[in-house]
Amino acid sequence: MALGCSSLDRSFIIPILEDSKFLLLQITAEGFAYVCRTANEATHRIARFALHLGTPISWFEEPPDFLVDVLFEDGNK
């Protein structure tokens, strides 16, 4: 079920989608758009890495090792 769709959907994530729709309506200057994983590899890697974390982490200057190659590739496009 897409955020903009009004059709009936019985999946278990409906409450989350309904809350997202409500909150999205409160934000007038922003929106959501699908971005293919291959076009957003750095974000995909961060999300995958975060699945295995037990505590919060942050970095300020140097990116984590698992991101260096993809950031280098993005910078050379």
Foldseek 3Di string as FASTA:
>chain_A
DDLPDDDDDDDPCVVVSVVVNVVVVVDDPDDDDDDDCVRVVLVVVVVVVVVPDPDDDDDDDDDDPVRVVVVVVVVVD
